[in-house]
Amino acid sequence: MDLSGISEKDLLGKLVSDAEGKPAFTVLYAKYAPKCRMFVRAMTKDPSAAEDITHDIFVKIWLKRELVSKADSFSSYLFRMVRNAVLDHYESNAIKRRYATRQRMAGEEFRELVEEKVNLDDLELIIFKTVSGMPDQRRRIFSLSRYHGMENKDIATLCGLNIRTVENHITNALADIRLALSEI
């Protein structure tokens, strides 16, 4: 069935017919798909997107052929569909870029947190090793002060020492730790 010489309005009317729908669609596709593809490509600068968008538009035309058949001007209807599809394409790409940026930023924040945690763990390990290597009395006094939160006078009473001796042990312990940290 040759529909190439038929008017656009008659082609649209034949779209809904079971027997003539596919041939009418084929003629509309052959006439308008290349123009549609060129327009989309000019707007997006992406040949692949132009092909995909054109294909999607004509799938929609086929699926909504009853509605399309009632259009006064197929070219105007098609242009509106193309314009909306290009806008949707831009919006979709913007959403994808925002999502990728957020993912990248989240990855960087996670990496920074991991680095901070590793650095903190390294510091804790250095301090632990330094405290473990201290003389018994100094280690005990430092542990009571820093890890158990006891005050110097209470440590002095507990250990039977002068408060100045406790203060000296804590001062020396902190100096040992500073020296160990300065070597990294």
N, C-alpha and C. Protein backbone atom coordinates (compact mmCIF):
# COMPACT_ATOMS: atom_id res chain seq x y z
N MET A 1 0.85 -1.17 0.00
CA MET A 1 0.00 0.00 0.00
C MET A 1 0.90 1.23 0.00
N ASP A 2 0.79 2.05 -1.01
CA ASP A 2 1.61 3.25 -1.14
C ASP A 2 0.87 4.44 -0.54
N LEU A 3 1.46 4.98 0.54
CA LEU A 3 0.85 6.13 1.21
C LEU A 3 1.71 7.38 1.06
N SER A 4 2.72 7.32 0.20
CA SER A 4 3.67 8.42 0.12
C SER A 4 3.04 9.72 -0.41
N GLY A 5 2.01 9.65 -1.21
CA GLY A 5 1.41 10.86 -1.76
C GLY A 5 0.25 11.39 -0.95
N ILE A 6 -0.07 10.76 0.13
CA ILE A 6 -1.24 11.14 0.94
C ILE A 6 -0.90 12.33 1.84
N SER A 7 -1.90 13.12 2.18
CA SER A 7 -1.67 14.30 3.02
C SER A 7 -1.34 13.89 4.46
N GLU A 8 -0.70 14.82 5.16
CA GLU A 8 -0.32 14.57 6.55
C GLU A 8 -1.56 14.29 7.41
N LYS A 9 -2.62 15.05 7.21
CA LYS A 9 -3.85 14.87 8.00
C LYS A 9 -4.44 13.48 7.76
N ASP A 10 -4.44 13.02 6.51
CA ASP A 10 -4.96 11.68 6.21
C ASP A 10 -4.06 10.59 6.80
N LEU A 11 -2.74 10.83 6.77
CA LEU A 11 -1.80 9.87 7.39
C LEU A 11 -2.09 9.72 8.89
N LEU A 12 -2.32 10.86 9.53
CA LEU A 12 -2.62 10.83 10.97
C LEU A 12 -3.91 10.06 11.23
N GLY A 13 -4.89 10.23 10.36
CA GLY A 13 -6.15 9.51 10.51
C GLY A 13 -5.97 8.01 10.34
N LYS A 14 -5.04 7.61 9.47
CA LYS A 14 -4.82 6.19 9.21
C LYS A 14 -4.00 5.52 10.33
N LEU A 15 -3.35 6.32 11.16
CA LEU A 15 -2.52 5.75 12.24
C LEU A 15 -3.31 4.81 13.15
N VAL A 16 -4.56 5.13 13.41
CA VAL A 16 -5.36 4.34 14.35
C VAL A 16 -5.97 3.10 13.71
N SER A 17 -5.95 3.01 12.41
CA SER A 17 -6.51 1.86 11.71
C SER A 17 -5.60 0.66 11.85
N ASP A 18 -6.19 -0.51 12.10
CA ASP A 18 -5.39 -1.73 12.24
C ASP A 18 -4.62 -2.06 10.97
N ALA A 19 -5.27 -1.92 9.83
CA ALA A 19 -4.65 -2.32 8.56
C ALA A 19 -3.69 -1.25 8.04
N GLU A 20 -4.01 0.02 8.24
CA GLU A 20 -3.22 1.09 7.64
C GLU A 20 -2.32 1.81 8.64
N GLY A 21 -2.39 1.44 9.93
CA GLY A 21 -1.61 2.14 10.97
C GLY A 21 -0.11 2.04 10.79
N LYS A 22 0.36 0.82 10.55
CA LYS A 22 1.81 0.63 10.41
C LYS A 22 2.37 1.29 9.15
N PRO A 23 1.71 1.14 8.00
CA PRO A 23 2.23 1.84 6.82
C PRO A 23 2.21 3.37 6.99
N ALA A 24 1.17 3.91 7.62
CA ALA A 24 1.10 5.36 7.84
C ALA A 24 2.22 5.80 8.79
N PHE A 25 2.45 5.02 9.82
CA PHE A 25 3.53 5.33 10.76
C PHE A 25 4.89 5.30 10.04
N THR A 26 5.08 4.31 9.19
CA THR A 26 6.34 4.16 8.45
C THR A 26 6.59 5.40 7.57
N VAL A 27 5.55 5.90 6.94
CA VAL A 27 5.70 7.09 6.10
C VAL A 27 6.05 8.30 6.97
N LEU A 28 5.33 8.47 8.10
CA LEU A 28 5.62 9.59 9.01
C LEU A 28 7.06 9.50 9.54
N TYR A 29 7.47 8.30 9.88
CA TYR A 29 8.81 8.08 10.39
C TYR A 29 9.86 8.44 9.33
N ALA A 30 9.66 7.94 8.14
CA ALA A 30 10.62 8.20 7.05
C ALA A 30 10.72 9.70 6.75
N LYS A 31 9.60 10.40 6.87
CA LYS A 31 9.59 11.83 6.54
C LYS A 31 10.16 12.69 7.67
N TYR A 32 9.85 12.36 8.92
CA TYR A 32 10.17 13.25 10.04
C TYR A 32 11.34 12.81 10.92
N ALA A 33 11.66 11.54 10.98
CA ALA A 33 12.73 11.08 11.87
C ALA A 33 14.08 11.73 11.54
N PRO A 34 14.47 11.84 10.27
CA PRO A 34 15.77 12.48 9.99
C PRO A 34 15.81 13.95 10.46
N LYS A 35 14.71 14.68 10.24
CA LYS A 35 14.64 16.08 10.70
C LYS A 35 14.72 16.14 12.22
N CYS A 36 14.00 15.24 12.85
CA CYS A 36 13.98 15.18 14.32
C CYS A 36 15.40 14.90 14.83
N ARG A 37 16.05 13.91 14.24
CA ARG A 37 17.41 13.53 14.65
C ARG A 37 18.38 14.71 14.49
N MET A 38 18.29 15.41 13.36
CA MET A 38 19.17 16.56 13.11
C MET A 38 18.92 17.67 14.14
N PHE A 39 17.66 17.94 14.43
CA PHE A 39 17.33 18.99 15.39
C PHE A 39 17.86 18.63 16.78
N VAL A 40 17.62 17.40 17.21
CA VAL A 40 18.08 16.98 18.53
C VAL A 40 19.61 16.99 18.60
N ARG A 41 20.24 16.54 17.52
CA ARG A 41 21.71 16.54 17.50
C ARG A 41 22.25 17.96 17.60
N ALA A 42 21.60 18.90 16.91
CA ALA A 42 22.04 20.30 16.98
C ALA A 42 21.88 20.85 18.40
N MET A 43 20.83 20.42 19.08
CA MET A 43 20.57 20.91 20.44
C MET A 43 21.48 20.26 21.48
N THR A 44 21.74 18.96 21.35
CA THR A 44 22.50 18.23 22.37
C THR A 44 23.97 18.08 22.03
N LYS A 45 24.33 18.21 20.77
CA LYS A 45 25.70 17.98 20.30
C LYS A 45 26.15 16.55 20.59
N ASP A 46 25.17 15.65 20.64
CA ASP A 46 25.46 14.26 20.97
C ASP A 46 24.71 13.35 20.00
N PRO A 47 25.41 12.74 19.03
CA PRO A 47 24.74 11.90 18.04
C PRO A 47 24.00 10.71 18.66
N SER A 48 24.57 10.13 19.68
CA SER A 48 23.94 8.99 20.34
C SER A 48 22.64 9.41 21.02
N ALA A 49 22.68 10.54 21.71
CA ALA A 49 21.47 11.05 22.36
C ALA A 49 20.41 11.40 21.31
N ALA A 50 20.85 11.96 20.19
CA ALA A 50 19.90 12.31 19.12
C ALA A 50 19.19 11.07 18.61
N GLU A 51 19.95 10.00 18.42
CA GLU A 51 19.36 8.74 17.96
C GLU A 51 18.38 8.19 18.99
N ASP A 52 18.80 8.17 20.26
CA ASP A 52 17.94 7.63 21.32
C ASP A 52 16.66 8.44 21.50
N ILE A 53 16.82 9.76 21.55
CA ILE A 53 15.65 10.63 21.75
C ILE A 53 14.68 10.50 20.59
N THR A 54 15.20 10.48 19.36
CA THR A 54 14.34 10.33 18.18
C THR A 54 13.58 9.01 18.25
N HIS A 55 14.29 7.96 18.58
CA HIS A 55 13.65 6.65 18.69
C HIS A 55 12.55 6.68 19.76
N ASP A 56 12.87 7.24 20.92
CA ASP A 56 11.87 7.31 22.01
C ASP A 56 10.64 8.12 21.61
N ILE A 57 10.86 9.20 20.90
CA ILE A 57 9.74 10.04 20.47
C ILE A 57 8.81 9.26 19.55
N PHE A 58 9.38 8.54 18.59
CA PHE A 58 8.53 7.80 17.66
C PHE A 58 7.87 6.58 18.31
N VAL A 59 8.51 6.03 19.33
CA VAL A 59 7.84 4.96 20.10
C VAL A 59 6.62 5.57 20.80
N LYS A 60 6.78 6.76 21.38
CA LYS A 60 5.65 7.42 22.05
C LYS A 60 4.54 7.76 21.04
N ILE A 61 4.95 8.19 19.86
CA ILE A 61 3.95 8.50 18.83
C ILE A 61 3.14 7.25 18.49
N TRP A 62 3.84 6.13 18.36
CA TRP A 62 3.12 4.89 18.04
C TRP A 62 2.19 4.49 19.19
N LEU A 63 2.69 4.60 20.41
CA LEU A 63 1.89 4.19 21.56
C LEU A 63 0.69 5.12 21.80
N LYS A 64 0.84 6.39 21.43
CA LYS A 64 -0.24 7.37 21.62
C LYS A 64 -0.85 7.78 20.28
N ARG A 65 -0.88 6.86 19.35
CA ARG A 65 -1.31 7.20 17.98
C ARG A 65 -2.74 7.72 17.92
N GLU A 66 -3.60 7.28 18.84
CA GLU A 66 -4.99 7.80 18.83
C GLU A 66 -4.99 9.28 19.17
N LEU A 67 -4.20 9.67 20.13
CA LEU A 67 -4.10 11.08 20.51
C LEU A 67 -3.40 11.88 19.41
N VAL A 68 -2.33 11.33 18.86
CA VAL A 68 -1.58 12.00 17.79
C VAL A 68 -2.46 12.20 16.56
N SER A 69 -3.32 11.23 16.28
CA SER A 69 -4.16 11.32 15.07
C SER A 69 -5.12 12.50 15.13
N LYS A 70 -5.36 13.04 16.31
CA LYS A 70 -6.28 14.17 16.46
C LYS A 70 -5.57 15.51 16.39
N ALA A 71 -4.23 15.49 16.26
CA ALA A 71 -3.45 16.74 16.21
C ALA A 71 -3.77 17.50 14.93
N ASP A 72 -3.83 18.82 15.04
CA ASP A 72 -4.08 19.65 13.85
C ASP A 72 -2.86 19.65 12.93
N SER A 73 -1.66 19.68 13.53
CA SER A 73 -0.43 19.71 12.73
C SER A 73 0.56 18.74 13.36
N PHE A 74 0.90 17.70 12.62
CA PHE A 74 1.84 16.71 13.14
C PHE A 74 3.21 17.33 13.37
N SER A 75 3.66 18.20 12.48
CA SER A 75 4.99 18.79 12.63
C SER A 75 5.05 19.65 13.90
N SER A 76 3.99 20.39 14.21
CA SER A 76 3.96 21.18 15.46
C SER A 76 3.94 20.27 16.67
N TYR A 77 3.14 19.22 16.59
CA TYR A 77 3.06 18.25 17.69
C TYR A 77 4.42 17.59 17.91
N LEU A 78 5.05 17.20 16.81
CA LEU A 78 6.36 16.56 16.88
C LEU A 78 7.40 17.52 17.44
N PHE A 79 7.38 18.77 17.00
CA PHE A 79 8.34 19.76 17.49
C PHE A 79 8.21 19.93 19.00
N ARG A 80 6.97 19.99 19.51
CA ARG A 80 6.74 20.10 20.95
C ARG A 80 7.32 18.89 21.68
N MET A 81 7.09 17.70 21.11
CA MET A 81 7.63 16.48 21.72
C MET A 81 9.17 16.52 21.74
N VAL A 82 9.76 16.95 20.66
CA VAL A 82 11.23 17.02 20.56
C VAL A 82 11.77 18.02 21.58
N ARG A 83 11.15 19.19 21.62
CA ARG A 83 11.60 20.22 22.57
C ARG A 83 11.53 19.71 24.00
N ASN A 84 10.42 19.09 24.36
CA ASN A 84 10.27 18.56 25.71
C ASN A 84 11.27 17.43 25.99
N ALA A 85 11.52 16.59 25.00
CA ALA A 85 12.48 15.50 25.17
C ALA A 85 13.89 16.04 25.37
N VAL A 86 14.25 17.09 24.64
CA VAL A 86 15.58 17.69 24.80
C VAL A 86 15.71 18.31 26.19
N LEU A 87 14.66 19.01 26.63
CA LEU A 87 14.67 19.59 27.98
C LEU A 87 14.79 18.49 29.04
N ASP A 88 14.05 17.41 28.85
CA ASP A 88 14.16 16.27 29.78
C ASP A 88 15.57 15.69 29.77
N HIS A 89 16.17 15.63 28.59
CA HIS A 89 17.55 15.12 28.46
C HIS A 89 18.51 16.00 29.26
N TYR A 90 18.39 17.33 29.11
CA TYR A 90 19.25 18.25 29.85
C TYR A 90 19.03 18.10 31.36
N GLU A 91 17.78 18.02 31.77
CA GLU A 91 17.47 17.88 33.19
C GLU A 91 18.02 16.57 33.75
N SER A 92 17.86 15.50 32.99
CA SER A 92 18.38 14.20 33.41
C SER A 92 19.90 14.24 33.56
N ASN A 93 20.58 14.87 32.59
CA ASN A 93 22.04 14.98 32.67
C ASN A 93 22.46 15.83 33.86
N ALA A 94 21.72 16.89 34.15
CA ALA A 94 22.05 17.74 35.30
C ALA A 94 21.89 16.95 36.59
N ILE A 95 20.85 16.16 36.69
CA ILE A 95 20.63 15.33 37.88
C ILE A 95 21.76 14.31 38.03
N LYS A 96 22.16 13.70 36.91
CA LYS A 96 23.26 12.73 36.95
C LYS A 96 24.55 13.39 37.39
N ARG A 97 24.81 14.60 36.89
CA ARG A 97 26.04 15.31 37.28
C ARG A 97 26.01 15.66 38.77
N ARG A 98 24.84 16.14 39.26
CA ARG A 98 24.74 16.46 40.69
C ARG A 98 24.94 15.22 41.54
N TYR A 99 24.36 14.11 41.10
CA TYR A 99 24.51 12.85 41.84
C TYR A 99 25.98 12.41 41.85
N ALA A 100 26.63 12.50 40.70
CA ALA A 100 28.05 12.09 40.61
C ALA A 100 28.91 13.00 41.50
N THR A 101 28.60 14.29 41.50
CA THR A 101 29.35 15.23 42.34
C THR A 101 29.15 14.89 43.81
N ARG A 102 27.92 14.61 44.20
CA ARG A 102 27.65 14.25 45.60
C ARG A 102 28.35 12.96 45.98
N GLN A 103 28.34 11.99 45.07
CA GLN A 103 29.02 10.72 45.34
C GLN A 103 30.52 10.94 45.50
N ARG A 104 31.09 11.77 44.62
CA ARG A 104 32.52 12.06 44.69
C ARG A 104 32.86 12.76 46.00
N MET A 105 32.02 13.74 46.37
CA MET A 105 32.25 14.46 47.62
C MET A 105 32.12 13.54 48.82
N ALA A 106 31.12 12.67 48.79
CA ALA A 106 30.93 11.72 49.90
C ALA A 106 32.13 10.78 49.98
N GLY A 107 32.64 10.37 48.83
CA GLY A 107 33.82 9.51 48.81
C GLY A 107 35.03 10.21 49.40
N GLU A 108 35.20 11.49 49.06
CA GLU A 108 36.32 12.27 49.60
C GLU A 108 36.17 12.44 51.10
N GLU A 109 34.95 12.74 51.56
CA GLU A 109 34.72 12.90 53.00
C GLU A 109 35.00 11.59 53.73
N PHE A 110 34.58 10.49 53.15
CA PHE A 110 34.82 9.19 53.77
C PHE A 110 36.32 8.92 53.83
N ARG A 111 37.03 9.21 52.74
CA ARG A 111 38.48 9.00 52.70
C ARG A 111 39.16 9.85 53.77
N GLU A 112 38.71 11.11 53.92
CA GLU A 112 39.29 11.98 54.94
C GLU A 112 39.02 11.44 56.34
N LEU A 113 37.80 10.93 56.56
CA LEU A 113 37.49 10.35 57.87
C LEU A 113 38.35 9.13 58.15
N VAL A 114 38.55 8.31 57.14
CA VAL A 114 39.39 7.13 57.31
C VAL A 114 40.82 7.54 57.63
N GLU A 115 41.33 8.55 56.90
CA GLU A 115 42.68 9.03 57.15
C GLU A 115 42.80 9.57 58.57
N GLU A 116 41.81 10.34 59.02
CA GLU A 116 41.82 10.86 60.39
C GLU A 116 41.82 9.72 61.39
N LYS A 117 40.98 8.71 61.14
CA LYS A 117 40.90 7.56 62.03
C LYS A 117 42.23 6.82 62.07
N VAL A 118 42.84 6.63 60.89
CA VAL A 118 44.13 5.94 60.83
C VAL A 118 45.18 6.75 61.58
N ASN A 119 45.19 8.08 61.36
CA ASN A 119 46.15 8.93 62.06
C ASN A 119 45.92 8.87 63.56
N LEU A 120 44.68 8.90 63.99
CA LEU A 120 44.36 8.83 65.40
C LEU A 120 44.78 7.48 65.98
N ASP A 121 44.51 6.42 65.24
CA ASP A 121 44.94 5.09 65.69
C ASP A 121 46.45 5.01 65.79
N ASP A 122 47.16 5.60 64.81
CA ASP A 122 48.62 5.62 64.85
C ASP A 122 49.12 6.37 66.08
N LEU A 123 48.51 7.52 66.35
CA LEU A 123 48.90 8.30 67.54
C LEU A 123 48.65 7.50 68.82
N GLU A 124 47.49 6.88 68.88
CA GLU A 124 47.17 6.08 70.08
C GLU A 124 48.17 4.95 70.25
N LEU A 125 48.57 4.33 69.16
CA LEU A 125 49.54 3.24 69.21
C LEU A 125 50.90 3.74 69.69
N ILE A 126 51.34 4.88 69.18
CA ILE A 126 52.62 5.47 69.60
C ILE A 126 52.58 5.81 71.08
N ILE A 127 51.48 6.42 71.50
CA ILE A 127 51.34 6.78 72.93
C ILE A 127 51.32 5.52 73.79
N PHE A 128 50.57 4.50 73.35
CA PHE A 128 50.50 3.25 74.11
C PHE A 128 51.89 2.62 74.25
N LYS A 129 52.63 2.56 73.13
CA LYS A 129 53.98 1.98 73.17
C LYS A 129 54.90 2.79 74.08
N THR A 130 54.78 4.12 73.99
CA THR A 130 55.62 4.98 74.82
C THR A 130 55.29 4.78 76.29
N VAL A 131 54.01 4.76 76.63
CA VAL A 131 53.59 4.56 78.02
C VAL A 131 54.01 3.17 78.50
N SER A 132 53.87 2.17 77.64
CA SER A 132 54.26 0.81 78.02
C SER A 132 55.76 0.70 78.30
N GLY A 133 56.56 1.54 77.64
CA GLY A 133 58.01 1.49 77.83
C GLY A 133 58.52 2.34 78.99
N MET A 134 57.63 3.01 79.68
CA MET A 134 58.03 3.87 80.81
C MET A 134 58.35 3.00 82.03
N PRO A 135 59.15 3.54 82.96
CA PRO A 135 59.36 2.83 84.23
C PRO A 135 58.01 2.60 84.93
N ASP A 136 57.93 1.52 85.70
CA ASP A 136 56.65 1.10 86.31
C ASP A 136 55.96 2.23 87.08
N GLN A 137 56.68 2.94 87.93
CA GLN A 137 56.08 3.99 88.77
C GLN A 137 55.51 5.11 87.88
N ARG A 138 56.28 5.55 86.89
CA ARG A 138 55.83 6.63 86.00
C ARG A 138 54.60 6.18 85.21
N ARG A 139 54.66 4.95 84.67
CA ARG A 139 53.53 4.41 83.88
C ARG A 139 52.28 4.35 84.75
N ARG A 140 52.40 3.86 85.98
CA ARG A 140 51.24 3.73 86.87
C ARG A 140 50.65 5.10 87.19
N ILE A 141 51.49 6.06 87.51
CA ILE A 141 51.01 7.41 87.86
C ILE A 141 50.36 8.08 86.64
N PHE A 142 51.00 7.96 85.47
CA PHE A 142 50.43 8.55 84.26
C PHE A 142 49.08 7.90 83.94
N SER A 143 48.98 6.59 84.04
CA SER A 143 47.72 5.88 83.75
C SER A 143 46.62 6.31 84.70
N LEU A 144 46.94 6.42 85.98
CA LEU A 144 45.93 6.86 86.95
C LEU A 144 45.46 8.28 86.63
N SER A 145 46.39 9.14 86.19
CA SER A 145 46.05 10.53 85.90
C SER A 145 45.24 10.65 84.61
N ARG A 146 45.76 10.07 83.52
CA ARG A 146 45.16 10.32 82.22
C ARG A 146 44.06 9.33 81.83
N TYR A 147 44.21 8.09 82.19
CA TYR A 147 43.23 7.08 81.77
C TYR A 147 42.11 6.89 82.80
N HIS A 148 42.41 7.17 84.06
CA HIS A 148 41.38 6.98 85.10
C HIS A 148 40.87 8.31 85.66
N GLY A 149 41.47 9.42 85.23
CA GLY A 149 40.99 10.75 85.59
C GLY A 149 41.20 11.13 87.05
N MET A 150 42.14 10.51 87.70
CA MET A 150 42.38 10.84 89.12
C MET A 150 43.19 12.13 89.24
N GLU A 151 42.97 12.86 90.32
CA GLU A 151 43.72 14.09 90.57
C GLU A 151 45.06 13.74 91.21
N ASN A 152 46.01 14.65 91.06
CA ASN A 152 47.36 14.40 91.55
C ASN A 152 47.40 14.10 93.05
N LYS A 153 46.62 14.83 93.84
CA LYS A 153 46.64 14.62 95.30
C LYS A 153 46.10 13.23 95.65
N ASP A 154 45.09 12.75 94.89
CA ASP A 154 44.54 11.41 95.14
C ASP A 154 45.54 10.32 94.74
N ILE A 155 46.27 10.56 93.66
CA ILE A 155 47.31 9.60 93.23
C ILE A 155 48.40 9.55 94.29
N ALA A 156 48.79 10.72 94.81
CA ALA A 156 49.84 10.79 95.83
C ALA A 156 49.41 10.00 97.07
N THR A 157 48.16 10.15 97.47
CA THR A 157 47.65 9.43 98.64
C THR A 157 47.62 7.93 98.37
N LEU A 158 47.13 7.53 97.21
CA LEU A 158 47.02 6.12 96.83
C LEU A 158 48.39 5.44 96.78
N CYS A 159 49.38 6.15 96.23
CA CYS A 159 50.72 5.57 96.06
C CYS A 159 51.65 5.84 97.24
N GLY A 160 51.21 6.64 98.17
CA GLY A 160 52.03 6.99 99.33
C GLY A 160 53.22 7.86 98.93
N LEU A 161 52.98 8.79 98.00
CA LEU A 161 54.03 9.66 97.52
C LEU A 161 53.70 11.11 97.79
N ASN A 162 54.73 11.95 97.68
CA ASN A 162 54.55 13.38 97.79
C ASN A 162 53.88 13.86 96.50
N ILE A 163 53.03 14.88 96.59
CA ILE A 163 52.32 15.39 95.42
C ILE A 163 53.30 15.91 94.36
N ARG A 164 54.44 16.49 94.78
CA ARG A 164 55.45 16.98 93.84
C ARG A 164 56.06 15.82 93.06
N THR A 165 56.23 14.67 93.69
CA THR A 165 56.78 13.49 93.01
C THR A 165 55.80 13.03 91.93
N VAL A 166 54.52 13.03 92.25
CA VAL A 166 53.49 12.66 91.28
C VAL A 166 53.52 13.63 90.10
N GLU A 167 53.59 14.93 90.37
CA GLU A 167 53.64 15.94 89.31
C GLU A 167 54.88 15.75 88.44
N ASN A 168 56.02 15.43 89.05
CA ASN A 168 57.26 15.20 88.28
C ASN A 168 57.11 13.97 87.36
N HIS A 169 56.51 12.89 87.88
CA HIS A 169 56.31 11.70 87.05
C HIS A 169 55.40 12.01 85.84
N ILE A 170 54.34 12.77 86.08
CA ILE A 170 53.42 13.12 84.98
C ILE A 170 54.14 14.03 83.97
N THR A 171 54.91 15.00 84.45
CA THR A 171 55.67 15.88 83.57
C THR A 171 56.66 15.08 82.73
N ASN A 172 57.37 14.13 83.35
CA ASN A 172 58.33 13.31 82.63
C ASN A 172 57.62 12.39 81.62
N ALA A 173 56.47 11.86 81.99
CA ALA A 173 55.71 10.99 81.08
C ALA A 173 55.26 11.77 79.86
N LEU A 174 54.77 12.98 80.05
CA LEU A 174 54.35 13.82 78.92
C LEU A 174 55.54 14.19 78.04
N ALA A 175 56.70 14.42 78.65
CA ALA A 175 57.91 14.72 77.88
C ALA A 175 58.30 13.51 77.03
N ASP A 176 58.20 12.30 77.61
CA ASP A 176 58.49 11.08 76.85
C ASP A 176 57.56 10.95 75.64
N ILE A 177 56.30 11.23 75.86
CA ILE A 177 55.30 11.13 74.77
C ILE A 177 55.59 12.17 73.69
N ARG A 178 55.87 13.40 74.09
CA ARG A 178 56.20 14.47 73.12
C ARG A 178 57.42 14.08 72.30
N LEU A 179 58.42 13.50 72.94
CA LEU A 179 59.62 13.08 72.23
C LEU A 179 59.30 11.98 71.22
N ALA A 180 58.49 11.02 71.62
CA ALA A 180 58.10 9.94 70.70
C ALA A 180 57.30 10.47 69.51
N LEU A 181 56.44 11.44 69.77
CA LEU A 181 55.62 12.00 68.68
C LEU A 181 56.46 12.90 67.77
N SER A 182 57.47 13.52 68.30
CA SER A 182 58.31 14.39 67.45
C SER A 182 59.16 13.58 66.49
N GLU A 183 59.33 12.29 66.74
CA GLU A 183 60.15 11.44 65.89
C GLU A 183 59.37 10.89 64.69
N ILE A 184 58.07 11.14 64.62
CA ILE A 184 57.31 10.63 63.46
C ILE A 184 57.19 11.68 62.39
